[in-house]
């Protein structure tokens, strides 16, 4: 079943939700409205007890080329919301604040269920940050990951400098962050940025296949282990081990 949420297609197939950015004319760049559409889509996914795994992708062979810089210029995007939390005047703006949703939409959410990125074409700048937010990444061989915003003087503000080092390590992350160079799907797999590598045009099918595999596991156990792995970064070893045991015991006792 497919429904449209603004600039996003939301498709449910069994226990899988496929979220597709539908702005191919601008390489699926994200403006404020699309960011809100993505946030709404993933809130819907997380709240639906019948769904186990989501796949995030972009229409027509491009994952996401980042923020819509034309919208940035037109609407003066990425300005902070008012102190009282009010939205900016223009509906085209992306919110930039220390709380609430991220500029790209769902990137500050900690969902209870996994999300897989199906990456074809470009996953650069904010698009890279969207891919990093996902738990797993399936990439086409000729996909391109990169901090392309380096060349435009636009900083990473939606998790890029945090998640990239955690996924690929500090050395590789600093190379990507400082140089802004493009990283192919093949290199991304070698350094651990891509979890699966496929031929062009096959990323979505492989991501859905992987999603079905994950959906086939006992969900409470998998979700507890996932949250433990995500939550341990801010904890010392003793606290992290305690949190892991506590979460595991809740599953065993249920």
C-alpha atoms as a PDB file:
ATOM      1  CA  UNK A   1       0.000   0.000   0.000  1.00  0.00           C
ATOM      2  CA  UNK A   2       1.460   3.343  -1.067  1.00  0.00           C
ATOM      3  CA  UNK A   3       0.525   6.724   0.354  1.00  0.00           C
ATOM      4  CA  UNK A   4       1.966  10.143  -0.367  1.00  0.00           C
ATOM      5  CA  UNK A   5       3.231  12.341   2.453  1.00  0.00           C
ATOM      6  CA  UNK A   6       4.114  15.598   0.733  1.00  0.00           C
ATOM      7  CA  UNK A   7       7.339  14.964  -1.177  1.00  0.00           C
ATOM      8  CA  UNK A   8       7.705  11.446   0.185  1.00  0.00           C
ATOM      9  CA  UNK A   9       6.209   8.128  -0.898  1.00  0.00           C
ATOM     10  CA  UNK A  10       5.390   5.858   2.038  1.00  0.00           C
ATOM     11  CA  UNK A  11       4.896   2.254   0.972  1.00  0.00           C
ATOM     12  CA  UNK A  12       3.960  -0.605   3.288  1.00  0.00           C
ATOM     13  CA  UNK A  13       4.588  -4.190   2.200  1.00  0.00           C
ATOM     14  CA  UNK A  14       4.012  -6.668   4.996  1.00  0.00           C
ATOM     15  CA  UNK A  15       6.287  -5.744   7.892  1.00  0.00           C
ATOM     16  CA  UNK A  16       8.414  -3.421   5.741  1.00  0.00           C
ATOM     17  CA  UNK A  17       7.969   0.309   5.130  1.00  0.00           C
ATOM     18  CA  UNK A  18       9.776   1.883   2.171  1.00  0.00           C
ATOM     19  CA  UNK A  19      10.239   5.648   2.436  1.00  0.00           C
ATOM     20  CA  UNK A  20      11.149   7.263  -0.899  1.00  0.00           C
ATOM     21  CA  UNK A  21      12.223  10.876  -1.336  1.00  0.00           C
ATOM     22  CA  UNK A  22      10.371  12.137  -4.419  1.00  0.00           C
ATOM     23  CA  UNK A  23      12.266  15.202  -5.644  1.00  0.00           C
ATOM     24  CA  UNK A  24      14.248  13.725  -8.541  1.00  0.00           C
ATOM     25  CA  UNK A  25      14.396  17.023 -10.448  1.00  0.00           C
ATOM     26  CA  UNK A  26      16.749  18.341  -7.735  1.00  0.00           C
ATOM     27  CA  UNK A  27      18.493  15.023  -7.022  1.00  0.00           C
ATOM     28  CA  UNK A  28      16.196  14.530  -4.043  1.00  0.00           C
ATOM     29  CA  UNK A  29      17.627  17.501  -2.174  1.00  0.00           C
ATOM     30  CA  UNK A  30      15.783  18.284   1.042  1.00  0.00           C
ATOM     31  CA  UNK A  31      13.936  21.532   1.638  1.00  0.00           C
ATOM     32  CA  UNK A  32      12.025  22.330   4.815  1.00  0.00           C
ATOM     33  CA  UNK A  33       8.782  20.746   3.686  1.00  0.00           C
ATOM     34  CA  UNK A  34      10.502  17.531   2.636  1.00  0.00           C
ATOM     35  CA  UNK A  35      12.380  17.378   5.933  1.00  0.00           C
ATOM     36  CA  UNK A  36       9.047  17.572   7.744  1.00  0.00           C
ATOM     37  CA  UNK A  37       7.608  14.908   5.426  1.00  0.00           C
ATOM     38  CA  UNK A  38      10.479  12.548   6.239  1.00  0.00           C
ATOM     39  CA  UNK A  39      10.095  13.158   9.958  1.00  0.00           C
ATOM     40  CA  UNK A  40       6.375  12.425   9.754  1.00  0.00           C
ATOM     41  CA  UNK A  41       7.006   9.266   7.731  1.00  0.00           C
ATOM     42  CA  UNK A  42       9.413   7.811  10.260  1.00  0.00           C
ATOM     43  CA  UNK A  43       7.207   8.717  13.194  1.00  0.00           C
ATOM     44  CA  UNK A  44       4.424   6.825  11.448  1.00  0.00           C
ATOM     45  CA  UNK A  45       6.725   3.852  10.916  1.00  0.00           C
ATOM     46  CA  UNK A  46       7.919   3.777  14.514  1.00  0.00           C
ATOM     47  CA  UNK A  47       4.383   3.987  15.900  1.00  0.00           C
ATOM     48  CA  UNK A  48       3.015   1.183  13.700  1.00  0.00           C
ATOM     49  CA  UNK A  49       3.227  -2.071  15.663  1.00  0.00           C
ATOM     50  CA  UNK A  50       2.736  -4.055  12.465  1.00  0.00           C
ATOM     51  CA  UNK A  51       5.986  -2.774  10.949  1.00  0.00           C
ATOM     52  CA  UNK A  52       9.449  -4.069  11.815  1.00  0.00           C
ATOM     53  CA  UNK A  53      11.991  -2.478   9.453  1.00  0.00           C
ATOM     54  CA  UNK A  54      12.059   0.591   7.198  1.00  0.00           C
ATOM     55  CA  UNK A  55      14.040   1.272   4.034  1.00  0.00           C
ATOM     56  CA  UNK A  56      14.981   4.832   3.061  1.00  0.00           C
ATOM     57  CA  UNK A  57      15.765   5.590  -0.572  1.00  0.00           C
ATOM     58  CA  UNK A  58      15.536   8.287  -3.219  1.00  0.00           C
ATOM     59  CA  UNK A  59      13.601   8.307  -6.481  1.00  0.00           C
ATOM     60  CA  UNK A  60      15.097   7.807  -9.933  1.00  0.00           C
ATOM     61  CA  UNK A  61      18.567   6.606  -9.104  1.00  0.00           C
ATOM     62  CA  UNK A  62      19.710   9.204  -6.584  1.00  0.00           C
ATOM     63  CA  UNK A  63      19.574   8.816  -2.815  1.00  0.00           C
ATOM     64  CA  UNK A  64      19.903  12.456  -1.730  1.00  0.00           C
ATOM     65  CA  UNK A  65      22.296  15.236  -2.738  1.00  0.00           C
ATOM     66  CA  UNK A  66      21.867  17.134   0.520  1.00  0.00           C
ATOM     67  CA  UNK A  67      19.941  20.240   1.446  1.00  0.00           C
ATOM     68  CA  UNK A  68      18.212  22.192  -1.306  1.00  0.00           C
ATOM     69  CA  UNK A  69      20.585  25.153  -1.533  1.00  0.00           C
ATOM     70  CA  UNK A  70      18.238  27.046  -3.857  1.00  0.00           C
ATOM     71  CA  UNK A  71      15.599  26.813  -1.156  1.00  0.00           C
ATOM     72  CA  UNK A  72      18.238  27.891   1.346  1.00  0.00           C
ATOM     73  CA  UNK A  73      18.891  31.031  -0.686  1.00  0.00           C
ATOM     74  CA  UNK A  74      15.220  31.693  -1.401  1.00  0.00           C
ATOM     75  CA  UNK A  75      13.895  31.164   2.092  1.00  0.00           C
ATOM     76  CA  UNK A  76      17.044  31.853   4.106  1.00  0.00           C
ATOM     77  CA  UNK A  77      16.932  28.273   5.267  1.00  0.00           C
ATOM     78  CA  UNK A  78      18.492  26.806   8.360  1.00  0.00           C
ATOM     79  CA  UNK A  79      17.820  29.782  10.607  1.00  0.00           C
ATOM     80  CA  UNK A  80      16.929  28.942  14.201  1.00  0.00           C
ATOM     81  CA  UNK A  81      13.342  28.730  15.285  1.00  0.00           C
ATOM     82  CA  UNK A  82      12.086  31.321  17.709  1.00  0.00           C
ATOM     83  CA  UNK A  83      12.975  30.889  21.356  1.00  0.00           C
ATOM     84  CA  UNK A  84       9.419  29.791  22.128  1.00  0.00           C
ATOM     85  CA  UNK A  85       9.661  27.011  19.539  1.00  0.00           C
ATOM     86  CA  UNK A  86       7.589  28.736  16.874  1.00  0.00           C
ATOM     87  CA  UNK A  87       8.257  27.761  13.295  1.00  0.00           C
ATOM     88  CA  UNK A  88      10.092  30.209  11.017  1.00  0.00           C
ATOM     89  CA  UNK A  89       7.901  32.421   8.870  1.00  0.00           C
ATOM     90  CA  UNK A  90       8.521  30.625   5.589  1.00  0.00           C
ATOM     91  CA  UNK A  91       7.145  27.106   5.041  1.00  0.00           C
ATOM     92  CA  UNK A  92      10.214  26.346   2.928  1.00  0.00           C
ATOM     93  CA  UNK A  93      12.691  26.672   5.758  1.00  0.00           C
ATOM     94  CA  UNK A  94      14.544  23.834   7.452  1.00  0.00           C
ATOM     95  CA  UNK A  95      14.598  24.062  11.238  1.00  0.00           C
ATOM     96  CA  UNK A  96      18.003  24.506  12.843  1.00  0.00           C
ATOM     97  CA  UNK A  97      17.873  24.389  16.606  1.00  0.00           C
ATOM     98  CA  UNK A  98      19.417  22.451  19.459  1.00  0.00           C
ATOM     99  CA  UNK A  99      16.225  20.520  20.153  1.00  0.00           C
ATOM    100  CA  UNK A 100      13.461  19.148  17.951  1.00  0.00           C
ATOM    101  CA  UNK A 101      13.875  17.606  14.513  1.00  0.00           C
ATOM    102  CA  UNK A 102      17.078  17.996  12.536  1.00  0.00           C
ATOM    103  CA  UNK A 103      17.428  20.063   9.350  1.00  0.00           C
ATOM    104  CA  UNK A 104      17.131  16.918   7.212  1.00  0.00           C
ATOM    105  CA  UNK A 105      14.090  15.664   9.116  1.00  0.00           C
ATOM    106  CA  UNK A 106      14.489  12.420  11.077  1.00  0.00           C
ATOM    107  CA  UNK A 107      18.208  12.656  11.792  1.00  0.00           C
ATOM    108  CA  UNK A 108      17.850  13.366  15.517  1.00  0.00           C
ATOM    109  CA  UNK A 109      15.316  10.631  16.131  1.00  0.00           C
ATOM    110  CA  UNK A 110      16.221   7.439  17.958  1.00  0.00           C
ATOM    111  CA  UNK A 111      13.701   5.000  16.582  1.00  0.00           C
ATOM    112  CA  UNK A 112      12.824   1.732  18.290  1.00  0.00           C
ATOM    113  CA  UNK A 113      13.222  -0.194  15.016  1.00  0.00           C
ATOM    114  CA  UNK A 114      15.971  -0.366  12.367  1.00  0.00           C
ATOM    115  CA  UNK A 115      16.197   1.606   9.139  1.00  0.00           C
ATOM    116  CA  UNK A 116      18.216   0.570   6.073  1.00  0.00           C
ATOM    117  CA  UNK A 117      19.446   3.060   3.475  1.00  0.00           C
ATOM    118  CA  UNK A 118      19.263   1.942  -0.165  1.00  0.00           C
ATOM    119  CA  UNK A 119      21.843   4.165  -1.845  1.00  0.00           C
ATOM    120  CA  UNK A 120      22.026   4.765  -5.581  1.00  0.00           C
ATOM    121  CA  UNK A 121      23.767   7.790  -7.053  1.00  0.00           C
ATOM    122  CA  UNK A 122      24.669  10.551  -4.634  1.00  0.00           C
ATOM    123  CA  UNK A 123      24.523  10.411  -0.837  1.00  0.00           C
ATOM    124  CA  UNK A 124      26.406  13.624  -0.186  1.00  0.00           C
ATOM    125  CA  UNK A 125      26.387  16.490   2.320  1.00  0.00           C
ATOM    126  CA  UNK A 126      23.054  16.252   4.163  1.00  0.00           C
ATOM    127  CA  UNK A 127      22.282  13.159   2.098  1.00  0.00           C
ATOM    128  CA  UNK A 128      25.324  11.498   3.630  1.00  0.00           C
ATOM    129  CA  UNK A 129      24.003  12.480   7.049  1.00  0.00           C
ATOM    130  CA  UNK A 130      20.673  10.822   6.254  1.00  0.00           C
ATOM    131  CA  UNK A 131      22.490   7.637   5.210  1.00  0.00           C
ATOM    132  CA  UNK A 132      24.607   7.712   8.374  1.00  0.00           C
ATOM    133  CA  UNK A 133      21.454   8.017  10.480  1.00  0.00           C
ATOM    134  CA  UNK A 134      20.282   4.674   9.124  1.00  0.00           C
ATOM    135  CA  UNK A 135      21.377   1.487  10.877  1.00  0.00           C
ATOM    136  CA  UNK A 136      22.637  -0.188   7.706  1.00  0.00           C
ATOM    137  CA  UNK A 137      23.534   0.967   4.204  1.00  0.00           C
ATOM    138  CA  UNK A 138      23.147  -0.975   0.959  1.00  0.00           C
ATOM    139  CA  UNK A 139      25.065   0.791  -1.804  1.00  0.00           C
ATOM    140  CA  UNK A 140      25.422   0.472  -5.548  1.00  0.00           C
ATOM    141  CA  UNK A 141      29.011   0.088  -6.708  1.00  0.00           C
ATOM    142  CA  UNK A 142      28.907   3.457  -8.442  1.00  0.00           C
ATOM    143  CA  UNK A 143      27.163   5.276  -5.595  1.00  0.00           C
ATOM    144  CA  UNK A 144      28.998   8.315  -4.247  1.00  0.00           C
ATOM    145  CA  UNK A 145      29.263   9.273  -0.585  1.00  0.00           C
ATOM    146  CA  UNK A 146      30.887  12.532   0.404  1.00  0.00           C
ATOM    147  CA  UNK A 147      31.008  15.723   2.431  1.00  0.00           C
ATOM    148  CA  UNK A 148      30.408  17.780  -0.699  1.00  0.00           C
ATOM    149  CA  UNK A 149      29.246  20.725   1.387  1.00  0.00           C
ATOM    150  CA  UNK A 150      32.940  21.290   2.135  1.00  0.00           C
ATOM    151  CA  UNK A 151      33.333  23.060  -1.211  1.00  0.00           C
ATOM    152  CA  UNK A 152      30.416  25.432  -0.524  1.00  0.00           C
ATOM    153  CA  UNK A 153      31.421  26.444   2.992  1.00  0.00           C
ATOM    154  CA  UNK A 154      28.391  24.738   4.548  1.00  0.00           C
ATOM    155  CA  UNK A 155      29.168  22.824   7.766  1.00  0.00           C
ATOM    156  CA  UNK A 156      27.790  19.457   8.769  1.00  0.00           C
ATOM    157  CA  UNK A 157      25.028  20.198  11.268  1.00  0.00           C
ATOM    158  CA  UNK A 158      22.943  17.021  11.261  1.00  0.00           C
ATOM    159  CA  UNK A 159      25.104  14.263  12.695  1.00  0.00           C
ATOM    160  CA  UNK A 160      27.818  13.917  10.067  1.00  0.00           C
ATOM    161  CA  UNK A 161      30.793  14.692  12.291  1.00  0.00           C
ATOM    162  CA  UNK A 162      29.374  12.466  15.028  1.00  0.00           C
ATOM    163  CA  UNK A 163      28.143   9.370  13.214  1.00  0.00           C
ATOM    164  CA  UNK A 164      30.797   9.110  10.495  1.00  0.00           C
ATOM    165  CA  UNK A 165      33.727   8.582  12.931  1.00  0.00           C
ATOM    166  CA  UNK A 166      31.648   6.097  14.903  1.00  0.00           C
ATOM    167  CA  UNK A 167      30.950   4.060  11.788  1.00  0.00           C
ATOM    168  CA  UNK A 168      34.263   4.154   9.897  1.00  0.00           C
ATOM    169  CA  UNK A 169      36.759   5.293  12.545  1.00  0.00           C
ATOM    170  CA  UNK A 170      38.437   8.626  13.133  1.00  0.00           C
ATOM    171  CA  UNK A 171      41.103   8.375  10.421  1.00  0.00           C
ATOM    172  CA  UNK A 172      38.802   7.603   7.502  1.00  0.00           C
ATOM    173  CA  UNK A 173      36.205  10.045   8.785  1.00  0.00           C
ATOM    174  CA  UNK A 174      38.703  12.900   9.004  1.00  0.00           C
ATOM    175  CA  UNK A 175      39.829  12.230   5.438  1.00  0.00           C
ATOM    176  CA  UNK A 176      36.242  12.481   4.217  1.00  0.00           C
ATOM    177  CA  UNK A 177      35.326  15.435   6.434  1.00  0.00           C
ATOM    178  CA  UNK A 178      38.370  17.574   5.697  1.00  0.00           C
ATOM    179  CA  UNK A 179      38.805  16.892   1.975  1.00  0.00           C
ATOM    180  CA  UNK A 180      35.155  16.546   0.976  1.00  0.00           C
ATOM    181  CA  UNK A 181      36.216  13.971  -1.613  1.00  0.00           C
ATOM    182  CA  UNK A 182      33.783  11.516  -3.112  1.00  0.00           C
ATOM    183  CA  UNK A 183      33.883   7.914  -1.908  1.00  0.00           C
ATOM    184  CA  UNK A 184      32.583   5.245  -4.275  1.00  0.00           C
ATOM    185  CA  UNK A 185      30.303   2.459  -3.178  1.00  0.00           C
ATOM    186  CA  UNK A 186      33.195   0.025  -3.488  1.00  0.00           C
ATOM    187  CA  UNK A 187      35.441   2.090  -1.232  1.00  0.00           C
ATOM    188  CA  UNK A 188      32.531   2.642   1.140  1.00  0.00           C
ATOM    189  CA  UNK A 189      32.210  -1.114   1.566  1.00  0.00           C
ATOM    190  CA  UNK A 190      35.949  -1.501   2.170  1.00  0.00           C
ATOM    191  CA  UNK A 191      35.956   1.058   4.986  1.00  0.00           C
ATOM    192  CA  UNK A 192      32.713  -0.142   6.587  1.00  0.00           C
ATOM    193  CA  UNK A 193      30.479   2.699   5.460  1.00  0.00           C
ATOM    194  CA  UNK A 194      28.424   0.409   3.193  1.00  0.00           C
ATOM    195  CA  UNK A 195      27.270  -2.914   4.637  1.00  0.00           C
ATOM    196  CA  UNK A 196      26.241  -4.468   1.330  1.00  0.00           C
ATOM    197  CA  UNK A 197      27.460  -3.736  -2.202  1.00  0.00           C
ATOM    198  CA  UNK A 198      25.361  -4.350  -5.314  1.00  0.00           C
ATOM    199  CA  UNK A 199      25.289  -3.461  -8.979  1.00  0.00           C
ATOM    200  CA  UNK A 200      23.639  -0.272 -10.178  1.00  0.00           C
ATOM    201  CA  UNK A 201      19.871  -0.367  -9.862  1.00  0.00           C
ATOM    202  CA  UNK A 202      19.829  -3.195  -7.306  1.00  0.00           C
ATOM    203  CA  UNK A 203      20.192  -1.314  -4.023  1.00  0.00           C
ATOM    204  CA  UNK A 204      16.498  -1.046  -3.202  1.00  0.00           C
ATOM    205  CA  UNK A 205      15.757  -4.705  -3.925  1.00  0.00           C
ATOM    206  CA  UNK A 206      18.717  -5.820  -1.816  1.00  0.00           C
ATOM    207  CA  UNK A 207      17.752  -3.466   1.011  1.00  0.00           C
ATOM    208  CA  UNK A 208      14.192  -4.812   1.033  1.00  0.00           C
ATOM    209  CA  UNK A 209      15.563  -8.365   1.035  1.00  0.00           C
ATOM    210  CA  UNK A 210      17.770  -7.513   4.002  1.00  0.00           C
ATOM    211  CA  UNK A 211      14.838  -5.824   5.727  1.00  0.00           C
ATOM    212  CA  UNK A 212      12.777  -8.998   5.379  1.00  0.00           C
ATOM    213  CA  UNK A 213      15.619 -11.003   6.919  1.00  0.00           C
ATOM    214  CA  UNK A 214      15.688  -8.680   9.916  1.00  0.00           C
ATOM    215  CA  UNK A 215      11.903  -8.749  10.192  1.00  0.00           C
ATOM    216  CA  UNK A 216      12.070 -12.543  10.439  1.00  0.00           C
ATOM    217  CA  UNK A 217      13.988 -12.483  13.714  1.00  0.00           C
ATOM    218  CA  UNK A 218      12.365 -12.291  17.172  1.00  0.00           C
ATOM    219  CA  UNK A 219      11.887  -8.543  17.342  1.00  0.00           C
ATOM    220  CA  UNK A 220      12.112  -7.722  21.051  1.00  0.00           C
ATOM    221  CA  UNK A 221      15.530  -9.336  21.331  1.00  0.00           C
ATOM    222  CA  UNK A 222      16.897  -7.667  18.204  1.00  0.00           C
ATOM    223  CA  UNK A 223      15.574  -4.261  19.218  1.00  0.00           C
ATOM    224  CA  UNK A 224      17.060  -4.530  22.703  1.00  0.00           C
ATOM    225  CA  UNK A 225      20.488  -5.416  21.295  1.00  0.00           C
ATOM    226  CA  UNK A 226      20.246  -2.588  18.766  1.00  0.00           C
ATOM    227  CA  UNK A 227      19.395   0.000  21.410  1.00  0.00           C
ATOM    228  CA  UNK A 228      22.224  -1.253  23.624  1.00  0.00           C
ATOM    229  CA  UNK A 229      24.719  -0.864  20.774  1.00  0.00           C
ATOM    230  CA  UNK A 230      23.450   2.641  20.015  1.00  0.00           C
ATOM    231  CA  UNK A 231      23.231   3.772  23.624  1.00  0.00           C
ATOM    232  CA  UNK A 232      26.648   2.681  24.845  1.00  0.00           C
ATOM    233  CA  UNK A 233      28.649   5.527  23.303  1.00  0.00           C
ATOM    234  CA  UNK A 234      28.005   7.982  26.122  1.00  0.00           C
ATOM    235  CA  UNK A 235      28.565   5.408  28.882  1.00  0.00           C
ATOM    236  CA  UNK A 236      31.663   4.077  30.604  1.00  0.00           C
ATOM    237  CA  UNK A 237      32.311   0.341  30.280  1.00  0.00           C
ATOM    238  CA  UNK A 238      30.681  -0.620  33.559  1.00  0.00           C
ATOM    239  CA  UNK A 239      27.547   1.398  32.849  1.00  0.00           C
ATOM    240  CA  UNK A 240      27.311   0.108  29.280  1.00  0.00           C
ATOM    241  CA  UNK A 241      27.548  -3.515  30.413  1.00  0.00           C
ATOM    242  CA  UNK A 242      24.928  -2.881  33.074  1.00  0.00           C
ATOM    243  CA  UNK A 243      22.584  -1.299  30.526  1.00  0.00           C
ATOM    244  CA  UNK A 244      23.074  -4.234  28.148  1.00  0.00           C
ATOM    245  CA  UNK A 245      22.266  -6.748  30.885  1.00  0.00           C
ATOM    246  CA  UNK A 246      19.244  -4.775  32.055  1.00  0.00           C
ATOM    247  CA  UNK A 247      17.806  -4.595  28.546  1.00  0.00           C
ATOM    248  CA  UNK A 248      18.479  -8.272  27.934  1.00  0.00           C
ATOM    249  CA  UNK A 249      16.834  -9.319  31.181  1.00  0.00           C
ATOM    250  CA  UNK A 250      13.702  -7.386  30.274  1.00  0.00           C
ATOM    251  CA  UNK A 251      13.454  -9.444  27.099  1.00  0.00           C
ATOM    252  CA  UNK A 252      14.144 -12.753  28.852  1.00  0.00           C
ATOM    253  CA  UNK A 253      11.536 -12.055  31.518  1.00  0.00           C
ATOM    254  CA  UNK A 254       8.851 -10.999  29.062  1.00  0.00           C
END
